[in-house]
Amino acid sequence: MTDHPTMEHGTPENKGLSSGCLLLAGLVLIGGSVVFYGFWQIWATVSDFEDGYLDAGYALVEGADVVISEPVQVDTYIYGKHSILIEKGSLADLALISNDAVIGGIVEGDVAFLGNDIEIAEDGIINGNLNVTMAKNVVIRGRVDGEISGTWTRLFENSNSNASAAQSTNTDAGEPRPVQ
């Protein structure tokens, strides 16, 4: 009779990594790489937006909740960690990066936005273009006389706006509805 190695408690002796462990490690590595790549893309977009305007000589205004209560006089890059409120417009171009931004008054230049939601208030008029680098919602209660371009999920536009939406990617399935 041949002697066969016996297993204690009915389990085989485990030597080295099993294929299941290797598969799990591979999936974790791939998943981590995808997440890292996504964060890197977001960081690159924000960095390019910021660098582009600051390198062009825009003045910098920053804070958690930024409220601008007088018309902006020079091209300005505004970073609001939570929100931005422009109460009385601008005589220059604006670049805004924030979770939420509201523009009131007359803006005599272009507006660039990167964030979650941007709203042109009922008294808000942009006499230039609105370039949305990335946003979830673009709400136009006032008026944009130039072109609206960029990437957003939803565009809500009232009938007073003279602008045409030049480009929209990642829009929702339905047509944009008018703002009341």
Protein backbone atom coordinates (compact mmCIF):
# COMPACT_ATOMS: atom_id res chain seq x y z
CA MET A 1 0.00 0.00 0.00
CA THR A 2 1.25 3.43 -0.98
CA ASP A 3 1.49 6.11 1.60
CA HIS A 4 -0.49 9.22 0.58
CA PRO A 5 -0.05 12.50 2.40
CA THR A 6 -3.00 13.13 4.62
CA MET A 7 -4.79 16.42 5.02
CA GLU A 8 -5.54 17.75 8.43
CA HIS A 9 -9.18 18.73 8.93
CA GLY A 10 -9.98 17.89 5.29
CA THR A 11 -8.20 20.90 3.75
CA PRO A 12 -5.32 20.68 1.31
CA GLU A 13 -1.98 22.13 2.20
CA ASN A 14 -1.77 25.61 0.64
CA LYS A 15 1.52 26.58 -0.95
CA GLY A 16 1.82 29.98 -2.64
CA LEU A 17 -0.95 32.26 -3.85
CA SER A 18 -4.05 30.80 -5.38
CA SER A 19 -5.36 32.03 -8.71
CA GLY A 20 -8.32 33.63 -6.90
CA CYS A 21 -6.01 35.83 -4.85
CA LEU A 22 -4.09 36.84 -7.95
CA LEU A 23 -7.34 37.69 -9.74
CA LEU A 24 -8.54 39.77 -6.80
CA ALA A 25 -5.23 41.63 -6.60
CA GLY A 26 -5.40 42.30 -10.35
CA LEU A 27 -8.95 43.66 -10.11
CA VAL A 28 -8.00 45.92 -7.19
CA LEU A 29 -5.01 47.22 -9.16
CA ILE A 30 -7.12 47.89 -12.26
CA GLY A 31 -9.91 49.54 -10.23
CA GLY A 32 -7.42 51.73 -8.40
CA SER A 33 -5.85 52.76 -11.70
CA VAL A 34 -9.24 53.76 -13.13
CA VAL A 35 -10.07 55.84 -10.05
CA PHE A 36 -6.63 57.47 -10.10
CA TYR A 37 -7.01 58.28 -13.82
CA GLY A 38 -10.43 59.88 -13.16
CA PHE A 39 -9.05 62.09 -10.39
CA TRP A 40 -6.07 62.98 -12.54
CA GLN A 41 -8.39 64.05 -15.39
CA ILE A 42 -10.41 66.26 -13.04
CA TRP A 43 -7.26 67.78 -11.55
CA ALA A 44 -5.86 68.44 -15.05
CA THR A 45 -9.10 70.15 -16.17
CA VAL A 46 -9.20 72.41 -13.11
CA SER A 47 -5.48 73.15 -13.32
CA ASP A 48 -5.65 74.01 -17.04
CA PHE A 49 -8.67 76.27 -16.46
CA GLU A 50 -6.97 78.11 -13.62
CA ASP A 51 -3.56 78.38 -15.27
CA GLY A 52 -5.05 79.62 -18.53
CA TYR A 53 -6.74 82.62 -16.94
CA LEU A 54 -4.09 83.46 -14.36
CA ASP A 55 -1.36 83.25 -17.03
CA ALA A 56 -3.45 85.62 -19.16
CA GLY A 57 -3.17 88.23 -16.39
CA TYR A 58 -6.59 87.90 -14.77
CA ALA A 59 -6.78 89.26 -11.22
CA LEU A 60 -7.40 86.59 -8.57
CA VAL A 61 -10.22 86.71 -6.02
CA GLU A 62 -10.77 83.69 -3.80
CA GLY A 63 -12.65 82.57 -0.72
CA ALA A 64 -15.17 80.06 0.60
CA ASP A 65 -18.27 82.07 -0.37
CA VAL A 66 -17.34 85.00 -2.61
CA VAL A 67 -19.77 87.91 -2.94
CA ILE A 68 -18.87 90.69 -5.37
CA SER A 69 -21.20 93.61 -4.65
CA GLU A 70 -19.70 96.21 -7.03
CA PRO A 71 -19.11 95.86 -10.79
CA VAL A 72 -15.83 94.07 -11.55
CA GLN A 73 -13.46 96.50 -13.28
CA VAL A 74 -10.70 94.22 -14.64
CA ASP A 75 -10.53 90.71 -16.09
CA THR A 76 -10.92 88.55 -12.99
CA TYR A 77 -10.53 84.88 -12.07
CA ILE A 78 -12.80 84.08 -9.10
CA TYR A 79 -12.39 80.89 -7.07
CA GLY A 80 -15.19 80.26 -4.61
CA LYS A 81 -14.85 77.05 -2.63
CA HIS A 82 -18.63 76.86 -2.17
CA SER A 83 -20.30 79.69 -4.05
CA ILE A 84 -19.88 82.88 -6.03
CA LEU A 85 -22.40 85.72 -6.22
CA ILE A 86 -21.83 88.55 -8.70
CA GLU A 87 -24.45 91.14 -7.73
CA LYS A 88 -23.84 94.05 -10.11
CA GLY A 89 -22.16 92.61 -13.18
CA SER A 90 -18.79 93.37 -14.65
CA LEU A 91 -17.08 95.72 -17.06
CA ALA A 92 -14.55 92.98 -17.93
CA ASP A 93 -14.24 89.25 -18.60
CA LEU A 94 -14.87 86.79 -15.77
CA ALA A 95 -13.58 83.27 -15.15
CA LEU A 96 -15.47 81.51 -12.36
CA ILE A 97 -14.69 78.22 -10.64
CA SER A 98 -17.03 77.15 -7.86
CA ASN A 99 -19.68 74.65 -6.89
CA ASP A 100 -22.42 77.25 -7.53
CA ALA A 101 -22.32 80.67 -9.18
CA VAL A 102 -25.02 83.29 -9.66
CA ILE A 103 -24.52 86.29 -11.93
CA GLY A 104 -26.67 89.39 -11.59
CA GLY A 105 -26.29 92.74 -13.33
CA ILE A 106 -24.76 93.43 -16.72
CA VAL A 107 -21.52 91.71 -17.73
CA GLU A 108 -19.82 93.61 -20.57
CA GLY A 109 -17.49 90.72 -21.40
CA ASP A 110 -17.25 86.96 -21.64
CA VAL A 111 -17.90 84.56 -18.77
CA ALA A 112 -16.11 81.22 -18.37
CA PHE A 113 -17.37 78.74 -15.78
CA LEU A 114 -16.21 75.46 -14.28
CA GLY A 115 -18.26 73.92 -11.51
CA ASN A 116 -21.60 72.37 -10.66
CA ASP A 117 -24.35 74.96 -11.27
CA ILE A 118 -24.34 78.40 -12.84
CA GLU A 119 -27.33 80.70 -12.93
CA ILE A 120 -27.80 83.96 -14.78
CA ALA A 121 -30.27 85.79 -12.52
CA GLU A 122 -33.38 87.51 -13.86
CA ASP A 123 -31.55 90.85 -13.84
CA GLY A 124 -28.42 89.23 -15.31
CA ILE A 125 -27.28 90.05 -18.83
CA ILE A 126 -24.10 88.74 -20.43
CA ASN A 127 -23.25 90.87 -23.45
CA GLY A 128 -20.49 88.42 -24.39
CA ASN A 129 -20.19 84.66 -24.60
CA LEU A 130 -20.80 82.07 -21.88
CA ASN A 131 -18.24 79.26 -22.04
CA VAL A 132 -19.05 76.39 -19.69
CA THR A 133 -16.01 74.14 -19.33
CA MET A 134 -18.04 71.69 -17.25
CA ALA A 135 -21.29 71.99 -15.31
CA LYS A 136 -24.27 70.00 -14.19
CA ASN A 137 -26.87 72.74 -14.63
CA VAL A 138 -26.82 75.98 -16.61
CA VAL A 139 -29.85 78.12 -15.73
CA ILE A 140 -30.47 81.30 -17.70
CA ARG A 141 -33.23 83.40 -16.16
CA GLY A 142 -31.79 86.60 -17.58
CA ARG A 143 -30.12 86.90 -20.98
CA VAL A 144 -26.97 85.86 -22.81
CA ASP A 145 -26.42 87.88 -25.99
CA GLY A 146 -23.40 85.90 -27.17
CA GLU A 147 -22.87 82.21 -27.75
CA ILE A 148 -23.30 79.55 -25.07
CA SER A 149 -20.77 76.76 -25.47
CA GLY A 150 -19.22 73.95 -23.48
CA THR A 151 -20.26 70.86 -21.59
CA TRP A 152 -23.21 70.57 -19.24
CA THR A 153 -25.82 68.05 -18.18
CA ARG A 154 -28.87 70.33 -18.42
CA LEU A 155 -29.46 73.75 -19.93
CA PHE A 156 -32.52 75.69 -18.80
CA GLU A 157 -33.02 78.78 -20.88
CA ASN A 158 -35.81 81.35 -20.91
CA SER A 159 -37.26 82.78 -24.08
CA ASN A 160 -35.53 86.17 -23.54
CA SER A 161 -32.07 84.82 -24.26
CA ASN A 162 -30.62 85.79 -27.62
CA ALA A 163 -27.89 83.17 -27.40
CA SER A 164 -27.69 79.91 -29.21
CA ALA A 165 -26.30 76.86 -27.49
CA ALA A 166 -23.38 76.01 -29.75
CA GLN A 167 -22.28 72.78 -28.20
CA SER A 168 -23.56 70.57 -25.47
CA THR A 169 -22.28 67.17 -24.56
CA ASN A 170 -23.63 64.79 -21.95
CA THR A 171 -27.06 66.41 -22.08
CA ASP A 172 -30.04 64.71 -20.56
CA ALA A 173 -32.41 62.74 -22.78
CA GLY A 174 -35.16 65.37 -22.77
CA GLU A 175 -35.21 68.75 -24.40
CA PRO A 176 -34.17 71.69 -22.23
CA ARG A 177 -37.20 73.17 -20.62
CA PRO A 178 -37.88 76.88 -20.40
CA VAL A 179 -37.18 78.62 -17.12
CA GLN A 180 -40.21 80.26 -15.61
